[in-house]
């Protein structure tokens, strides 16, 4: 059986994985979820949080594991798991990008996001604070962007828990090498109805970074809510294919 470590995306916390935990655990897999600094129950001030704070937190979790893990990153966390893979390749069995940013060496999240042209007059989901230290959300676009296929109950619960997002990690480029990050197998799970990270951008990213497999979900940006059992099914298959190789 495999150990899954899940890393949530921007504005979210460990709470977003709640529906994924049991379907994996009932087949014997271990599941680890946690809050990044400044998210969920972690009260680190958002104006102090850096990308290194994110990777330091994740490295600490990996260092406590005796065996390699399947590391899953959602959305923004694609950068977190990529940079952490550079630091701890020996701790990771497989990298799984769940409708996530998949950077190349030297890229920042904002650089990737801005590579896709958008309509100038379209309203923006993300609102940058005046001092450019954190990001908030346009409330009117939250459901459309994140939870288009989710139940009213899940959307309501999520809205209550969304937090401010530190800005610094968005503008910090990753440093990746073929020796470390490049040595690990990668799987990309694309979401066909995603309004937060367009399908075109997802496909552009994974076409520029060799992946062992591409999995398609007919889902919004939050399949952990809208299609948890289907997502869990694919994660179980990833564990079967990539989780049994050299776990030491």
Protein backbone atom coordinates (compact mmCIF):
# COMPACT_ATOMS: atom_id res chain seq x y z
CA UNK A 1 0.00 0.00 0.00
CA UNK A 2 1.08 3.58 -0.60
CA UNK A 3 1.27 6.77 1.41
CA UNK A 4 -0.40 9.78 -0.19
CA UNK A 5 0.59 13.29 0.84
CA UNK A 6 -1.89 15.91 -0.35
CA UNK A 7 -1.00 19.60 -0.76
CA UNK A 8 -3.91 22.00 -1.12
CA UNK A 9 -4.04 24.97 -3.45
CA UNK A 10 -4.43 28.71 -2.91
CA UNK A 11 -7.06 30.02 -0.46
CA UNK A 12 -7.79 26.45 0.68
CA UNK A 13 -6.55 24.20 3.48
CA UNK A 14 -6.29 20.56 4.46
CA UNK A 15 -10.09 20.58 4.80
CA UNK A 16 -10.59 20.38 1.04
CA UNK A 17 -9.36 16.74 0.95
CA UNK A 18 -11.91 15.39 3.44
CA UNK A 19 -13.91 13.40 0.86
CA UNK A 20 -10.80 11.73 -0.56
CA UNK A 21 -9.41 10.33 2.67
CA UNK A 22 -11.78 7.45 3.38
CA UNK A 23 -11.92 5.96 -0.16
CA UNK A 24 -8.13 5.64 -0.04
CA UNK A 25 -7.87 4.48 3.55
CA UNK A 26 -10.47 1.75 3.10
CA UNK A 27 -8.10 0.04 0.66
CA UNK A 28 -5.18 0.28 3.04
CA UNK A 29 -3.47 3.45 1.82
CA UNK A 30 -2.14 6.03 4.27
CA UNK A 31 -3.27 9.62 3.75
CA UNK A 32 -1.53 12.73 5.04
CA UNK A 33 -3.10 16.18 4.72
CA UNK A 34 -1.88 19.40 6.30
CA UNK A 35 -2.24 23.18 6.19
CA UNK A 36 0.34 25.26 4.41
CA UNK A 37 1.56 28.29 6.40
CA UNK A 38 -1.13 30.97 6.52
CA UNK A 39 -3.93 28.54 5.58
CA UNK A 40 -6.57 26.57 7.42
CA UNK A 41 -5.73 26.36 11.11
CA UNK A 42 -2.22 27.76 10.63
CA UNK A 43 -2.15 31.38 11.78
CA UNK A 44 1.11 32.53 10.18
CA UNK A 45 0.48 36.13 8.97
CA UNK A 46 -0.08 36.04 5.20
CA UNK A 47 2.24 38.97 4.61
CA UNK A 48 5.13 36.92 6.01
CA UNK A 49 4.64 33.69 4.03
CA UNK A 50 7.07 32.73 1.26
CA UNK A 51 7.39 29.82 -1.13
CA UNK A 52 10.25 28.57 1.05
CA UNK A 53 7.86 28.47 4.01
CA UNK A 54 5.61 26.20 1.95
CA UNK A 55 8.41 23.88 0.91
CA UNK A 56 9.94 23.84 4.40
CA UNK A 57 6.60 22.66 5.82
CA UNK A 58 6.29 19.94 3.20
CA UNK A 59 9.92 18.84 3.57
CA UNK A 60 9.36 18.39 7.31
CA UNK A 61 6.44 16.09 6.60
CA UNK A 62 8.42 14.06 4.07
CA UNK A 63 11.39 13.80 6.42
CA UNK A 64 9.15 12.07 8.96
CA UNK A 65 8.23 9.32 6.48
CA UNK A 66 10.33 6.17 6.24
CA UNK A 67 9.09 5.22 2.78
CA UNK A 68 8.61 7.17 -0.41
CA UNK A 69 5.25 8.87 -0.89
CA UNK A 70 2.91 9.73 -3.72
CA UNK A 71 2.85 13.52 -3.60
CA UNK A 72 -0.34 15.17 -4.88
CA UNK A 73 -0.57 18.91 -5.50
CA UNK A 74 -3.70 20.84 -6.47
CA UNK A 75 -3.61 24.08 -8.44
CA UNK A 76 -0.98 26.44 -6.95
CA UNK A 77 0.54 23.51 -5.06
CA UNK A 78 1.99 22.27 -8.33
CA UNK A 79 4.82 24.72 -7.69
CA UNK A 80 5.14 23.59 -4.08
CA UNK A 81 5.48 19.91 -4.93
CA UNK A 82 7.85 20.68 -7.82
CA UNK A 83 10.25 22.73 -5.70
CA UNK A 84 10.01 20.23 -2.86
CA UNK A 85 10.82 17.43 -5.30
CA UNK A 86 14.03 19.28 -6.09
CA UNK A 87 14.91 19.28 -2.39
CA UNK A 88 13.72 15.76 -1.47
CA UNK A 89 13.67 13.52 -4.57
CA UNK A 90 14.64 10.51 -2.47
CA UNK A 91 11.41 10.87 -0.47
CA UNK A 92 9.01 10.86 -3.42
CA UNK A 93 7.73 7.95 -5.49
CA UNK A 94 5.51 9.88 -7.90
CA UNK A 95 4.38 13.48 -8.40
CA UNK A 96 0.68 13.94 -9.18
CA UNK A 97 -0.51 17.28 -10.55
CA UNK A 98 -4.24 17.73 -10.00
CA UNK A 99 -5.27 20.53 -12.37
CA UNK A 100 -2.10 22.12 -11.05
CA UNK A 101 0.59 24.49 -12.24
CA UNK A 102 3.47 22.47 -13.65
CA UNK A 103 6.44 24.83 -13.88
CA UNK A 104 9.67 24.69 -15.80
CA UNK A 105 12.93 25.79 -14.23
CA UNK A 106 12.94 29.53 -13.54
CA UNK A 107 9.19 30.03 -13.85
CA UNK A 108 6.92 31.61 -11.25
CA UNK A 109 3.21 30.97 -10.93
CA UNK A 110 2.28 34.44 -12.06
CA UNK A 111 4.53 34.09 -15.09
CA UNK A 112 2.76 30.89 -16.12
CA UNK A 113 -0.70 32.34 -15.48
CA UNK A 114 0.02 35.48 -17.48
CA UNK A 115 1.26 33.44 -20.44
CA UNK A 116 -2.36 32.82 -21.32
CA UNK A 117 -4.11 35.81 -22.83
CA UNK A 118 -7.49 36.73 -21.37
CA UNK A 119 -10.18 39.16 -22.37
CA UNK A 120 -9.27 42.61 -21.07
CA UNK A 121 -12.83 43.42 -20.02
CA UNK A 122 -13.47 40.13 -18.20
CA UNK A 123 -13.78 40.45 -14.41
CA UNK A 124 -10.90 39.08 -12.39
CA UNK A 125 -11.28 36.36 -9.78
CA UNK A 126 -8.16 37.47 -7.91
CA UNK A 127 -7.83 40.81 -6.11
CA UNK A 128 -4.35 41.99 -5.09
CA UNK A 129 -4.09 43.94 -1.85
CA UNK A 130 -2.91 47.55 -2.03
CA UNK A 131 0.40 46.67 -0.39
CA UNK A 132 0.77 43.66 -2.70
CA UNK A 133 1.26 41.20 0.16
CA UNK A 134 -1.86 39.06 -0.20
CA UNK A 135 -4.59 38.03 -2.60
CA UNK A 136 -8.33 37.88 -1.98
CA UNK A 137 -11.15 36.61 -4.18
CA UNK A 138 -14.00 38.24 -6.09
CA UNK A 139 -16.90 36.64 -4.24
CA UNK A 140 -19.16 36.69 -7.28
CA UNK A 141 -16.78 34.45 -9.25
CA UNK A 142 -15.84 31.89 -6.59
CA UNK A 143 -18.45 29.28 -7.46
CA UNK A 144 -18.01 29.72 -11.21
CA UNK A 145 -14.23 29.49 -11.01
CA UNK A 146 -13.74 26.79 -8.38
CA UNK A 147 -16.91 24.84 -7.71
CA UNK A 148 -19.03 24.77 -10.87
CA UNK A 149 -20.10 21.13 -10.47
CA UNK A 150 -20.18 21.03 -6.68
CA UNK A 151 -23.24 20.74 -4.44
CA UNK A 152 -24.65 23.81 -2.74
CA UNK A 153 -23.68 22.30 0.61
CA UNK A 154 -20.04 21.83 -0.40
CA UNK A 155 -19.84 25.32 -1.88
CA UNK A 156 -21.25 26.87 1.29
CA UNK A 157 -18.80 24.99 3.51
CA UNK A 158 -15.88 25.89 1.29
CA UNK A 159 -16.76 29.58 1.17
CA UNK A 160 -16.75 29.68 4.96
CA UNK A 161 -13.20 28.31 5.09
CA UNK A 162 -11.48 30.12 2.23
CA UNK A 163 -8.68 32.38 3.46
CA UNK A 164 -6.44 35.13 2.17
CA UNK A 165 -3.55 33.98 -0.01
CA UNK A 166 0.07 35.16 0.41
CA UNK A 167 1.31 36.94 -2.70
CA UNK A 168 5.04 36.24 -2.41
CA UNK A 169 4.83 32.55 -3.48
CA UNK A 170 3.09 33.63 -6.69
CA UNK A 171 6.04 35.72 -7.86
CA UNK A 172 8.86 33.47 -6.70
CA UNK A 173 10.45 31.38 -9.49
CA UNK A 174 11.25 27.73 -8.90
CA UNK A 175 14.72 26.28 -9.28
CA UNK A 176 14.57 22.78 -10.78
CA UNK A 177 17.17 20.39 -12.16
CA UNK A 178 16.95 17.25 -14.24
CA UNK A 179 19.02 15.39 -11.64
CA UNK A 180 16.49 15.89 -8.84
CA UNK A 181 13.05 17.07 -9.94
CA UNK A 182 13.54 15.68 -13.42
CA UNK A 183 14.29 12.19 -12.14
CA UNK A 184 10.79 11.64 -10.73
CA UNK A 185 7.78 10.22 -12.61
CA UNK A 186 4.96 12.72 -13.05
CA UNK A 187 1.25 12.16 -13.65
CA UNK A 188 -1.07 14.99 -14.68
CA UNK A 189 -4.81 14.93 -13.98
CA UNK A 190 -6.51 17.44 -16.25
CA UNK A 191 -9.98 18.82 -15.56
CA UNK A 192 -12.00 19.37 -18.71
CA UNK A 193 -14.44 21.97 -17.34
CA UNK A 194 -11.93 23.95 -15.31
CA UNK A 195 -12.57 27.70 -15.10
CA UNK A 196 -9.65 28.54 -12.81
CA UNK A 197 -6.82 27.02 -14.88
CA UNK A 198 -8.03 26.59 -18.43
CA UNK A 199 -7.73 23.27 -20.19
CA UNK A 200 -5.55 24.92 -22.82
CA UNK A 201 -3.09 26.08 -20.17
CA UNK A 202 -3.10 22.70 -18.45
CA UNK A 203 -2.29 20.99 -21.73
CA UNK A 204 0.37 23.53 -22.59
CA UNK A 205 2.11 22.89 -19.27
CA UNK A 206 2.11 19.11 -19.40
CA UNK A 207 3.06 19.07 -23.08
CA UNK A 208 6.22 20.96 -22.13
CA UNK A 209 7.07 18.65 -19.22
CA UNK A 210 7.39 14.91 -19.77
CA UNK A 211 4.67 13.05 -17.86
CA UNK A 212 4.26 9.30 -17.51
CA UNK A 213 0.49 9.55 -17.85
CA UNK A 214 -2.31 12.04 -18.48
CA UNK A 215 -5.69 11.40 -16.85
CA UNK A 216 -8.79 13.35 -17.91
CA UNK A 217 -11.66 14.18 -15.56
CA UNK A 218 -14.90 15.72 -16.83
CA UNK A 219 -14.76 18.02 -13.86
CA UNK A 220 -14.50 21.55 -12.54
CA UNK A 221 -11.44 22.83 -10.67
CA UNK A 222 -12.41 20.96 -7.47
CA UNK A 223 -12.85 17.26 -8.26
CA UNK A 224 -12.12 16.46 -4.60
CA UNK A 225 -15.65 17.83 -4.02
CA UNK A 226 -17.46 17.29 -7.31
CA UNK A 227 -16.09 13.83 -8.17
CA UNK A 228 -14.30 12.47 -5.08
CA UNK A 229 -14.91 8.79 -5.81
CA UNK A 230 -13.78 9.08 -9.42
CA UNK A 231 -10.70 11.00 -8.33
CA UNK A 232 -9.99 8.40 -5.65
CA UNK A 233 -10.34 5.63 -8.24
CA UNK A 234 -7.65 7.21 -10.40
CA UNK A 235 -5.38 7.81 -7.42
CA UNK A 236 -5.70 4.15 -6.46
CA UNK A 237 -4.67 3.18 -9.98
CA UNK A 238 -1.71 5.53 -9.83
CA UNK A 239 -0.67 3.77 -6.63
CA UNK A 240 -0.95 0.39 -8.35
CA UNK A 241 1.18 1.46 -11.31
CA UNK A 242 3.73 3.80 -9.71
CA UNK A 243 3.48 3.15 -5.99
CA UNK A 244 4.96 -0.33 -5.92
CA UNK A 245 8.28 0.54 -7.55
CA UNK A 246 11.31 0.79 -5.29
CA UNK A 247 9.55 2.10 -2.21
CA UNK A 248 12.74 2.09 -0.17
